C-alpha atoms as a PDB file:
ATOM      1  CA  MET A   1      99.429  48.836 176.895  1.00  0.00           C
ATOM      2  CA  LEU A   2      98.250  51.717 174.743  1.00  0.00           C
ATOM      3  CA  VAL A   3      99.540  52.055 171.196  1.00  0.00           C
ATOM      4  CA  SER A   4      99.526  54.832 168.633  1.00  0.00           C
ATOM      5  CA  ALA A   5      96.882  54.421 165.927  1.00  0.00           C
ATOM      6  CA  LYS A   6      99.481  54.677 163.155  1.00  0.00           C
ATOM      7  CA  GLU A   7     100.210  50.997 162.579  1.00  0.00           C
ATOM      8  CA  MET A   8      96.612  49.816 162.864  1.00  0.00           C
ATOM      9  CA  LEU A   9      95.455  52.457 160.360  1.00  0.00           C
ATOM     10  CA  THR A  10      98.296  51.844 157.891  1.00  0.00           C
ATOM     11  CA  LYS A  11      97.330  48.146 157.909  1.00  0.00           C
ATOM     12  CA  ALA A  12      93.642  49.046 157.522  1.00  0.00           C
ATOM     13  CA  LYS A  13      94.321  51.291 154.532  1.00  0.00           C
ATOM     14  CA  GLU A  14      96.390  48.570 152.845  1.00  0.00           C
ATOM     15  CA  GLY A  15      93.833  45.885 153.694  1.00  0.00           C
ATOM     16  CA  HIS A  16      90.770  47.909 152.639  1.00  0.00           C
ATOM     17  CA  TYR A  17      89.005  47.807 155.970  1.00  0.00           C
ATOM     18  CA  ALA A  18      88.475  50.417 158.692  1.00  0.00           C
ATOM     19  CA  VAL A  19      89.143  50.562 162.428  1.00  0.00           C
ATOM     20  CA  GLY A  20      86.307  51.905 164.549  1.00  0.00           C
ATOM     21  CA  GLN A  21      86.751  54.756 166.976  1.00  0.00           C
ATOM     22  CA  PHE A  22      84.169  54.317 169.694  1.00  0.00           C
ATOM     23  CA  ASN A  23      83.765  57.205 172.095  1.00  0.00           C
ATOM     24  CA  ILE A  24      83.802  56.440 175.797  1.00  0.00           C
ATOM     25  CA  ASN A  25      81.784  58.192 178.493  1.00  0.00           C
ATOM     26  CA  ASN A  26      82.410  56.140 181.631  1.00  0.00           C
ATOM     27  CA  LEU A  27      83.656  52.828 183.003  1.00  0.00           C
ATOM     28  CA  GLU A  28      80.782  50.785 181.526  1.00  0.00           C
ATOM     29  CA  TRP A  29      81.350  52.185 178.058  1.00  0.00           C
ATOM     30  CA  THR A  30      85.083  51.505 178.177  1.00  0.00           C
ATOM     31  CA  LYS A  31      84.660  47.974 179.475  1.00  0.00           C
ATOM     32  CA  ALA A  32      82.001  47.107 176.866  1.00  0.00           C
ATOM     33  CA  ILE A  33      84.156  48.334 173.973  1.00  0.00           C
ATOM     34  CA  LEU A  34      87.383  46.703 175.178  1.00  0.00           C
ATOM     35  CA  LEU A  35      85.709  43.333 175.808  1.00  0.00           C
ATOM     36  CA  THR A  36      84.072  43.393 172.368  1.00  0.00           C
ATOM     37  CA  ALA A  37      87.355  44.292 170.661  1.00  0.00           C
ATOM     38  CA  GLU A  38      89.044  41.365 172.419  1.00  0.00           C
ATOM     39  CA  GLU A  39      86.202  38.960 171.536  1.00  0.00           C
ATOM     40  CA  GLN A  40      86.276  40.057 167.897  1.00  0.00           C
ATOM     41  CA  LYS A  41      90.101  40.180 167.771  1.00  0.00           C
ATOM     42  CA  SER A  42      89.808  43.677 166.354  1.00  0.00           C
ATOM     43  CA  PRO A  43      92.063  46.684 166.876  1.00  0.00           C
ATOM     44  CA  VAL A  44      90.139  49.556 168.455  1.00  0.00           C
ATOM     45  CA  ILE A  45      90.391  53.285 169.096  1.00  0.00           C
ATOM     46  CA  LEU A  46      88.788  54.714 172.235  1.00  0.00           C
ATOM     47  CA  GLY A  47      87.700  58.281 171.562  1.00  0.00           C
ATOM     48  CA  VAL A  48      87.463  60.870 174.317  1.00  0.00           C
ATOM     49  CA  SER A  49      85.928  64.268 173.645  1.00  0.00           C
ATOM     50  CA  GLU A  50      86.890  67.226 175.818  1.00  0.00           C
ATOM     51  CA  GLY A  51      83.421  67.151 177.388  1.00  0.00           C
ATOM     52  CA  ALA A  52      83.689  63.433 178.186  1.00  0.00           C
ATOM     53  CA  GLY A  53      87.179  63.999 179.588  1.00  0.00           C
ATOM     54  CA  LYS A  54      85.815  66.648 181.920  1.00  0.00           C
ATOM     55  CA  TYR A  55      82.891  64.411 182.898  1.00  0.00           C
ATOM     56  CA  MET A  56      85.291  61.575 183.780  1.00  0.00           C
ATOM     57  CA  CYS A  57      87.311  63.887 186.078  1.00  0.00           C
ATOM     58  CA  GLY A  58      90.087  64.784 183.675  1.00  0.00           C
ATOM     59  CA  PHE A  59      92.264  63.106 181.069  1.00  0.00           C
ATOM     60  CA  LYS A  60      94.639  61.559 183.634  1.00  0.00           C
ATOM     61  CA  THR A  61      91.724  59.734 185.265  1.00  0.00           C
ATOM     62  CA  VAL A  62      90.754  58.408 181.832  1.00  0.00           C
ATOM     63  CA  THR A  63      94.284  57.207 180.983  1.00  0.00           C
ATOM     64  CA  ASN A  64      94.691  55.459 184.332  1.00  0.00           C
ATOM     65  CA  MET A  65      91.293  53.773 184.052  1.00  0.00           C
ATOM     66  CA  VAL A  66      91.910  52.559 180.495  1.00  0.00           C
ATOM     67  CA  LYS A  67      95.440  51.282 181.199  1.00  0.00           C
ATOM     68  CA  ALA A  68      94.334  49.456 184.341  1.00  0.00           C
ATOM     69  CA  MET A  69      91.344  47.973 182.535  1.00  0.00           C
ATOM     70  CA  ILE A  70      93.495  46.661 179.668  1.00  0.00           C
ATOM     71  CA  GLU A  71      95.627  44.894 182.279  1.00  0.00           C
ATOM     72  CA  GLU A  72      92.778  43.574 184.446  1.00  0.00           C
ATOM     73  CA  LEU A  73      90.731  42.303 181.488  1.00  0.00           C
ATOM     74  CA  ASN A  74      93.806  40.806 179.746  1.00  0.00           C
ATOM     75  CA  ILE A  75      93.177  42.767 176.566  1.00  0.00           C
ATOM     76  CA  THR A  76      95.670  41.651 173.906  1.00  0.00           C
ATOM     77  CA  VAL A  77      94.380  43.569 170.857  1.00  0.00           C
ATOM     78  CA  PRO A  78      95.902  46.961 169.920  1.00  0.00           C
ATOM     79  CA  VAL A  79      94.135  49.817 171.744  1.00  0.00           C
ATOM     80  CA  ALA A  80      94.693  53.512 171.028  1.00  0.00           C
ATOM     81  CA  LEU A  81      93.402  56.181 173.414  1.00  0.00           C
ATOM     82  CA  HIS A  82      92.501  59.168 171.283  1.00  0.00           C
ATOM     83  CA  LEU A  83      91.461  62.746 171.980  1.00  0.00           C
ATOM     84  CA  ASP A  84      88.466  63.528 169.770  1.00  0.00           C
ATOM     85  CA  HIS A  85      88.095  67.068 168.324  1.00  0.00           C
ATOM     86  CA  GLY A  86      90.730  68.496 170.600  1.00  0.00           C
ATOM     87  CA  SER A  87      91.443  72.161 170.991  1.00  0.00           C
ATOM     88  CA  TYR A  88      95.086  73.215 170.886  1.00  0.00           C
ATOM     89  CA  GLU A  89      95.177  73.385 174.722  1.00  0.00           C
ATOM     90  CA  ALA A  90      93.487  69.995 175.175  1.00  0.00           C
ATOM     91  CA  CYS A  91      96.040  68.358 172.855  1.00  0.00           C
ATOM     92  CA  TYR A  92      98.829  69.276 175.258  1.00  0.00           C
ATOM     93  CA  LYS A  93      96.788  68.148 178.270  1.00  0.00           C
ATOM     94  CA  CYS A  94      96.266  64.727 176.653  1.00  0.00           C
ATOM     95  CA  ILE A  95      99.914  64.419 175.666  1.00  0.00           C
ATOM     96  CA  ASP A  96     100.810  65.039 179.327  1.00  0.00           C
ATOM     97  CA  ALA A  97      98.111  62.650 180.537  1.00  0.00           C
ATOM     98  CA  GLY A  98      99.531  59.742 178.525  1.00  0.00           C
ATOM     99  CA  PHE A  99      97.079  59.447 175.622  1.00  0.00           C
ATOM    100  CA  SER A 100      98.531  57.518 172.671  1.00  0.00           C
ATOM    101  CA  SER A 101      96.779  59.499 169.939  1.00  0.00           C
ATOM    102  CA  ILE A 102      95.285  62.959 169.554  1.00  0.00           C
ATOM    103  CA  MET A 103      93.122  64.879 167.159  1.00  0.00           C
ATOM    104  CA  PHE A 104      93.782  68.543 166.730  1.00  0.00           C
ATOM    105  CA  ASP A 105      90.687  70.168 165.312  1.00  0.00           C
ATOM    106  CA  GLY A 106      92.025  73.382 163.846  1.00  0.00           C
ATOM    107  CA  SER A 107      89.275  73.561 161.225  1.00  0.00           C
ATOM    108  CA  HIS A 108      87.876  76.789 162.725  1.00  0.00           C
ATOM    109  CA  TYR A 109      91.220  78.620 162.427  1.00  0.00           C
ATOM    110  CA  PRO A 110      92.287  80.392 159.238  1.00  0.00           C
ATOM    111  CA  ILE A 111      94.205  77.813 157.148  1.00  0.00           C
ATOM    112  CA  GLU A 112      97.594  79.489 157.871  1.00  0.00           C
ATOM    113  CA  GLU A 113      97.093  79.190 161.630  1.00  0.00           C
ATOM    114  CA  ASN A 114      95.749  75.646 161.321  1.00  0.00           C
ATOM    115  CA  VAL A 115      98.945  74.784 159.385  1.00  0.00           C
ATOM    116  CA  ALA A 116     101.256  76.422 161.943  1.00  0.00           C
ATOM    117  CA  LYS A 117      99.658  74.741 164.964  1.00  0.00           C
ATOM    118  CA  THR A 118      99.431  71.367 163.196  1.00  0.00           C
ATOM    119  CA  LYS A 119     103.142  71.567 162.253  1.00  0.00           C
ATOM    120  CA  GLU A 120     104.080  72.137 165.869  1.00  0.00           C
ATOM    121  CA  LEU A 121     101.927  69.224 167.069  1.00  0.00           C
ATOM    122  CA  VAL A 122     103.346  66.926 164.356  1.00  0.00           C
ATOM    123  CA  GLN A 123     106.790  67.455 165.855  1.00  0.00           C
ATOM    124  CA  VAL A 124     105.691  66.955 169.475  1.00  0.00           C
ATOM    125  CA  CYS A 125     103.732  63.793 168.608  1.00  0.00           C
ATOM    126  CA  ALA A 126     106.612  62.380 166.554  1.00  0.00           C
ATOM    127  CA  GLU A 127     108.981  62.816 169.511  1.00  0.00           C
ATOM    128  CA  LYS A 128     106.588  61.001 171.826  1.00  0.00           C
ATOM    129  CA  GLY A 129     105.421  58.318 169.391  1.00  0.00           C
ATOM    130  CA  LEU A 130     101.804  59.482 169.272  1.00  0.00           C
ATOM    131  CA  SER A 131      99.537  59.468 166.241  1.00  0.00           C
ATOM    132  CA  LEU A 132      97.958  62.760 165.196  1.00  0.00           C
ATOM    133  CA  GLU A 133      94.690  63.369 163.377  1.00  0.00           C
ATOM    134  CA  ALA A 134      93.956  66.690 161.685  1.00  0.00           C
ATOM    135  CA  GLU A 135      90.701  68.034 160.280  1.00  0.00           C
ATOM    136  CA  VAL A 136      90.047  69.979 157.107  1.00  0.00           C
ATOM    137  CA  GLY A 137      86.626  71.436 156.310  1.00  0.00           C
ATOM    138  CA  SER A 138      84.117  71.300 159.107  1.00  0.00           C
ATOM    139  CA  ILE A 139      82.070  68.223 159.901  1.00  0.00           C
ATOM    140  CA  GLY A 140      78.403  69.199 160.114  1.00  0.00           C
ATOM    141  CA  GLY A 141      75.965  68.352 162.845  1.00  0.00           C
ATOM    142  CA  GLU A 142      74.238  69.991 165.733  1.00  0.00           C
ATOM    143  CA  GLU A 143      76.304  72.481 167.650  1.00  0.00           C
ATOM    144  CA  ASP A 144      74.506  74.875 169.972  1.00  0.00           C
ATOM    145  CA  GLY A 145      71.183  73.966 168.389  1.00  0.00           C
ATOM    146  CA  VAL A 146      72.249  74.803 164.841  1.00  0.00           C
ATOM    147  CA  VAL A 147      72.321  71.862 162.451  1.00  0.00           C
ATOM    148  CA  GLY A 148      75.019  72.205 159.794  1.00  0.00           C
ATOM    149  CA  MET A 149      74.611  70.104 156.664  1.00  0.00           C
ATOM    150  CA  GLY A 150      78.238  69.005 156.500  1.00  0.00           C
ATOM    151  CA  GLU A 151      80.583  70.843 154.192  1.00  0.00           C
ATOM    152  CA  CYS A 152      82.959  69.249 151.756  1.00  0.00           C
ATOM    153  CA  ALA A 153      86.658  69.819 152.272  1.00  0.00           C
ATOM    154  CA  ASP A 154      88.886  71.317 149.587  1.00  0.00           C
ATOM    155  CA  PRO A 155      91.183  68.508 148.318  1.00  0.00           C
ATOM    156  CA  ALA A 156      94.056  71.001 147.847  1.00  0.00           C
ATOM    157  CA  GLU A 157      93.802  72.087 151.500  1.00  0.00           C
ATOM    158  CA  CYS A 158      93.703  68.407 152.490  1.00  0.00           C
ATOM    159  CA  LYS A 159      96.983  67.836 150.691  1.00  0.00           C
ATOM    160  CA  MET A 160      98.509  70.876 152.386  1.00  0.00           C
ATOM    161  CA  ILE A 161      97.663  69.512 155.847  1.00  0.00           C
ATOM    162  CA  ALA A 162      98.545  65.907 154.941  1.00  0.00           C
ATOM    163  CA  ASP A 163     101.979  67.014 153.752  1.00  0.00           C
ATOM    164  CA  LEU A 164     102.755  68.392 157.224  1.00  0.00           C
ATOM    165  CA  GLY A 165     103.205  64.802 158.386  1.00  0.00           C
ATOM    166  CA  VAL A 166      99.995  64.063 160.283  1.00  0.00           C
ATOM    167  CA  THR A 167      99.089  60.385 160.714  1.00  0.00           C
ATOM    168  CA  MET A 168      95.495  60.596 159.503  1.00  0.00           C
ATOM    169  CA  LEU A 169      93.153  63.124 158.062  1.00  0.00           C
ATOM    170  CA  ALA A 170      89.494  63.837 158.788  1.00  0.00           C
ATOM    171  CA  ALA A 171      87.951  65.534 155.787  1.00  0.00           C
ATOM    172  CA  GLY A 172      84.371  66.694 155.497  1.00  0.00           C
ATOM    173  CA  ILE A 173      82.558  64.824 152.717  1.00  0.00           C
ATOM    174  CA  GLY A 174      78.998  65.798 153.620  1.00  0.00           C
ATOM    175  CA  ASN A 175      79.024  63.755 156.845  1.00  0.00           C
ATOM    176  CA  ILE A 176      77.610  65.131 160.094  1.00  0.00           C
ATOM    177  CA  HIS A 177      77.675  64.331 163.803  1.00  0.00           C
ATOM    178  CA  GLY A 178      74.555  62.958 165.473  1.00  0.00           C
ATOM    179  CA  LYS A 179      71.397  61.778 163.746  1.00  0.00           C
ATOM    180  CA  TYR A 180      71.126  62.487 160.027  1.00  0.00           C
ATOM    181  CA  PRO A 181      68.198  64.690 158.944  1.00  0.00           C
ATOM    182  CA  ALA A 182      65.622  63.314 156.502  1.00  0.00           C
ATOM    183  CA  ASN A 183      66.823  65.640 153.735  1.00  0.00           C
ATOM    184  CA  TRP A 184      70.506  64.621 154.007  1.00  0.00           C
ATOM    185  CA  ALA A 185      72.124  64.483 150.577  1.00  0.00           C
ATOM    186  CA  GLY A 186      74.468  61.574 151.361  1.00  0.00           C
ATOM    187  CA  LEU A 187      78.255  61.370 151.231  1.00  0.00           C
ATOM    188  CA  SER A 188      80.120  63.074 148.410  1.00  0.00           C
ATOM    189  CA  PHE A 189      82.192  60.254 146.940  1.00  0.00           C
ATOM    190  CA  GLU A 190      83.451  62.633 144.290  1.00  0.00           C
ATOM    191  CA  THR A 191      85.114  64.737 147.014  1.00  0.00           C
ATOM    192  CA  LEU A 192      86.410  61.620 148.775  1.00  0.00           C
ATOM    193  CA  ALA A 193      87.952  60.238 145.585  1.00  0.00           C
ATOM    194  CA  ALA A 194      89.623  63.589 144.850  1.00  0.00           C
ATOM    195  CA  ILE A 195      91.018  63.806 148.415  1.00  0.00           C
ATOM    196  CA  SER A 196      92.236  60.194 148.270  1.00  0.00           C
ATOM    197  CA  GLU A 197      94.072  60.891 145.047  1.00  0.00           C
ATOM    198  CA  LYS A 198      95.795  63.939 146.578  1.00  0.00           C
ATOM    199  CA  VAL A 199      96.867  62.385 149.878  1.00  0.00           C
ATOM    200  CA  GLY A 200      97.907  58.949 148.598  1.00  0.00           C
ATOM    201  CA  LYS A 201      98.591  56.429 151.360  1.00  0.00           C
ATOM    202  CA  MET A 202      97.371  58.579 154.223  1.00  0.00           C
ATOM    203  CA  PRO A 203      94.500  56.968 156.170  1.00  0.00           C
ATOM    204  CA  LEU A 204      91.309  59.033 155.973  1.00  0.00           C
ATOM    205  CA  VAL A 205      88.821  59.426 158.809  1.00  0.00           C
ATOM    206  CA  LEU A 206      85.054  59.480 158.567  1.00  0.00           C
ATOM    207  CA  HIS A 207      83.353  61.300 161.441  1.00  0.00           C
ATOM    208  CA  GLY A 208      79.649  60.880 162.154  1.00  0.00           C
ATOM    209  CA  GLY A 209      79.503  57.143 161.415  1.00  0.00           C
ATOM    210  CA  THR A 210      76.065  56.788 163.006  1.00  0.00           C
ATOM    211  CA  GLY A 211      73.262  56.467 160.487  1.00  0.00           C
ATOM    212  CA  ILE A 212      75.317  56.376 157.274  1.00  0.00           C
ATOM    213  CA  PRO A 213      73.861  53.540 155.145  1.00  0.00           C
ATOM    214  CA  GLU A 214      76.005  50.388 155.018  1.00  0.00           C
ATOM    215  CA  ASP A 215      76.648  50.551 151.275  1.00  0.00           C
ATOM    216  CA  MET A 216      77.986  54.097 151.662  1.00  0.00           C
ATOM    217  CA  ILE A 217      80.265  52.991 154.506  1.00  0.00           C
ATOM    218  CA  LYS A 218      81.657  50.161 152.354  1.00  0.00           C
ATOM    219  CA  LYS A 219      82.194  52.481 149.404  1.00  0.00           C
ATOM    220  CA  ALA A 220      83.956  55.030 151.642  1.00  0.00           C
ATOM    221  CA  ILE A 221      86.311  52.283 152.898  1.00  0.00           C
ATOM    222  CA  ASP A 222      87.060  51.293 149.291  1.00  0.00           C
ATOM    223  CA  LEU A 223      87.994  54.910 148.612  1.00  0.00           C
ATOM    224  CA  GLY A 224      90.533  55.115 151.429  1.00  0.00           C
ATOM    225  CA  VAL A 225      88.618  55.683 154.678  1.00  0.00           C
ATOM    226  CA  SER A 226      90.487  53.682 157.351  1.00  0.00           C
ATOM    227  CA  LYS A 227      88.977  55.052 160.580  1.00  0.00           C
ATOM    228  CA  ILE A 228      85.283  55.525 161.283  1.00  0.00           C
ATOM    229  CA  ASN A 229      83.981  57.311 164.367  1.00  0.00           C
ATOM    230  CA  VAL A 230      80.911  55.988 166.145  1.00  0.00           C
ATOM    231  CA  ASN A 231      79.371  57.626 169.185  1.00  0.00           C
ATOM    232  CA  THR A 232      75.662  58.466 168.897  1.00  0.00           C
ATOM    233  CA  GLU A 233      74.711  54.911 167.906  1.00  0.00           C
ATOM    234  CA  CYS A 234      76.154  53.432 171.118  1.00  0.00           C
ATOM    235  CA  GLN A 235      74.400  56.107 173.163  1.00  0.00           C
ATOM    236  CA  LEU A 236      71.045  55.412 171.503  1.00  0.00           C
ATOM    237  CA  ALA A 237      71.438  51.643 172.003  1.00  0.00           C
ATOM    238  CA  PHE A 238      72.370  52.125 175.672  1.00  0.00           C
ATOM    239  CA  ALA A 239      69.441  54.472 176.281  1.00  0.00           C
ATOM    240  CA  ALA A 240      66.908  52.177 174.571  1.00  0.00           C
ATOM    241  CA  ALA A 241      68.027  49.102 176.553  1.00  0.00           C
ATOM    242  CA  THR A 242      67.961  51.032 179.831  1.00  0.00           C
ATOM    243  CA  ARG A 243      64.493  52.394 179.055  1.00  0.00           C
ATOM    244  CA  THR A 244      63.190  48.870 178.335  1.00  0.00           C
ATOM    245  CA  TYR A 245      64.590  47.610 181.655  1.00  0.00           C
ATOM    246  CA  VAL A 246      63.028  50.436 183.674  1.00  0.00           C
ATOM    247  CA  GLU A 247      59.700  50.412 181.816  1.00  0.00           C
ATOM    248  CA  ALA A 248      59.416  46.677 182.460  1.00  0.00           C
ATOM    249  CA  GLY A 249      59.721  47.515 186.166  1.00  0.00           C
ATOM    250  CA  LYS A 250      62.845  45.360 186.563  1.00  0.00           C
ATOM    251  CA  ASP A 251      64.491  47.962 188.768  1.00  0.00           C
ATOM    252  CA  LEU A 252      61.686  47.326 191.277  1.00  0.00           C
ATOM    253  CA  GLN A 253      62.205  43.560 191.406  1.00  0.00           C
ATOM    254  CA  GLY A 254      64.618  42.220 194.019  1.00  0.00           C
ATOM    255  CA  LYS A 255      67.878  44.122 193.784  1.00  0.00           C
ATOM    256  CA  GLY A 256      67.137  45.328 190.283  1.00  0.00           C
ATOM    257  CA  PHE A 257      67.970  48.872 191.356  1.00  0.00           C
ATOM    258  CA  ASP A 258      71.635  47.914 191.923  1.00  0.00           C
ATOM    259  CA  PRO A 259      73.545  49.948 189.315  1.00  0.00           C
ATOM    260  CA  ARG A 260      75.403  46.819 188.221  1.00  0.00           C
ATOM    261  CA  LYS A 261      72.059  45.259 187.301  1.00  0.00           C
ATOM    262  CA  LEU A 262      70.444  48.477 186.106  1.00  0.00           C
ATOM    263  CA  LEU A 263      73.267  49.253 183.672  1.00  0.00           C
ATOM    264  CA  ALA A 264      73.854  45.674 182.459  1.00  0.00           C
ATOM    265  CA  PRO A 265      71.292  45.672 179.582  1.00  0.00           C
ATOM    266  CA  GLY A 266      72.731  48.963 178.316  1.00  0.00           C
ATOM    267  CA  VAL A 267      76.255  47.541 178.404  1.00  0.00           C
ATOM    268  CA  GLU A 268      75.127  44.501 176.399  1.00  0.00           C
ATOM    269  CA  ALA A 269      73.497  46.851 173.885  1.00  0.00           C
ATOM    270  CA  ILE A 270      76.766  48.775 173.467  1.00  0.00           C
ATOM    271  CA  LYS A 271      78.631  45.488 172.938  1.00  0.00           C
ATOM    272  CA  ALA A 272      76.146  44.387 170.277  1.00  0.00           C
ATOM    273  CA  THR A 273      76.440  47.747 168.489  1.00  0.00           C
ATOM    274  CA  VAL A 274      80.244  47.690 168.552  1.00  0.00           C
ATOM    275  CA  LYS A 275      80.322  44.096 167.251  1.00  0.00           C
ATOM    276  CA  GLU A 276      77.977  45.008 164.407  1.00  0.00           C
ATOM    277  CA  LYS A 277      80.168  47.980 163.455  1.00  0.00           C
ATOM    278  CA  MET A 278      83.394  45.974 163.590  1.00  0.00           C
ATOM    279  CA  GLU A 279      81.843  43.417 161.239  1.00  0.00           C
ATOM    280  CA  LEU A 280      80.683  46.161 158.881  1.00  0.00           C
ATOM    281  CA  PHE A 281      84.064  47.918 158.926  1.00  0.00           C
ATOM    282  CA  GLY A 282      85.895  44.646 158.273  1.00  0.00           C
ATOM    283  CA  SER A 283      88.209  44.881 161.312  1.00  0.00           C
ATOM    284  CA  VAL A 284      87.204  41.554 162.908  1.00  0.00           C
ATOM    285  CA  GLY A 285      90.210  39.223 163.213  1.00  0.00           C
ATOM    286  CA  LYS A 286      92.624  41.951 162.145  1.00  0.00           C
ATOM    287  CA  ALA A 287      94.289  42.491 165.558  1.00  0.00           C
END
């Protein structure tokens, strides 16, 4: 059964740990993350971007696959299925498709419009028992070949959005999506502390969890970050393990070309990455 992310994140904020959101791309990804969450007795959030949703033949396909997998694999830990960086239209598609959590990324709208659309979604999600994540200040990273350095959100704007009744808030604190450039200045803990002070008990979300040094992650959790998004790191681990398998010529031995064998090392690499992150975030045994 899918659950909203509200309870798991409230507990995480109170307990000074964070729940990982791991993005899924296909069946293997989903299975690897769910099995690891169960093994580690950790709550987990499965993130689905609009692009990944399209790739997996639509949000309904994703919901049905995840629900069936939870049942077939006897997953007992809390699992939230979450739309990542959703447009206004995608939010409604995911609500209809049976997602248990959504993120409305209205950061590119003027603040008034972001507020109006967020307000509306707060009401819809409350009626249906879904958790809602909002974003203030844009998260940097590569989009259309342009690498943004990651802006810092305005704590006053964060409070304005938090007060609308969202479940959790993603605020830019110098973090970016993808690999971090060599000249990255690091996270702005000053901004994070100021935002934390303004929004009180609200769980904060850190996007772009790949490549942030461990001490920074721990400090961010201490300052109120309760959800950390990881995507690129699992992709890199999967790709490296698959490359090793193919370069060793294992796909040419026996039935090594069978996709179940070909993808197995990559799946194990995802599991190892997820386990490592859950340990770092402190969510192991918290289900």
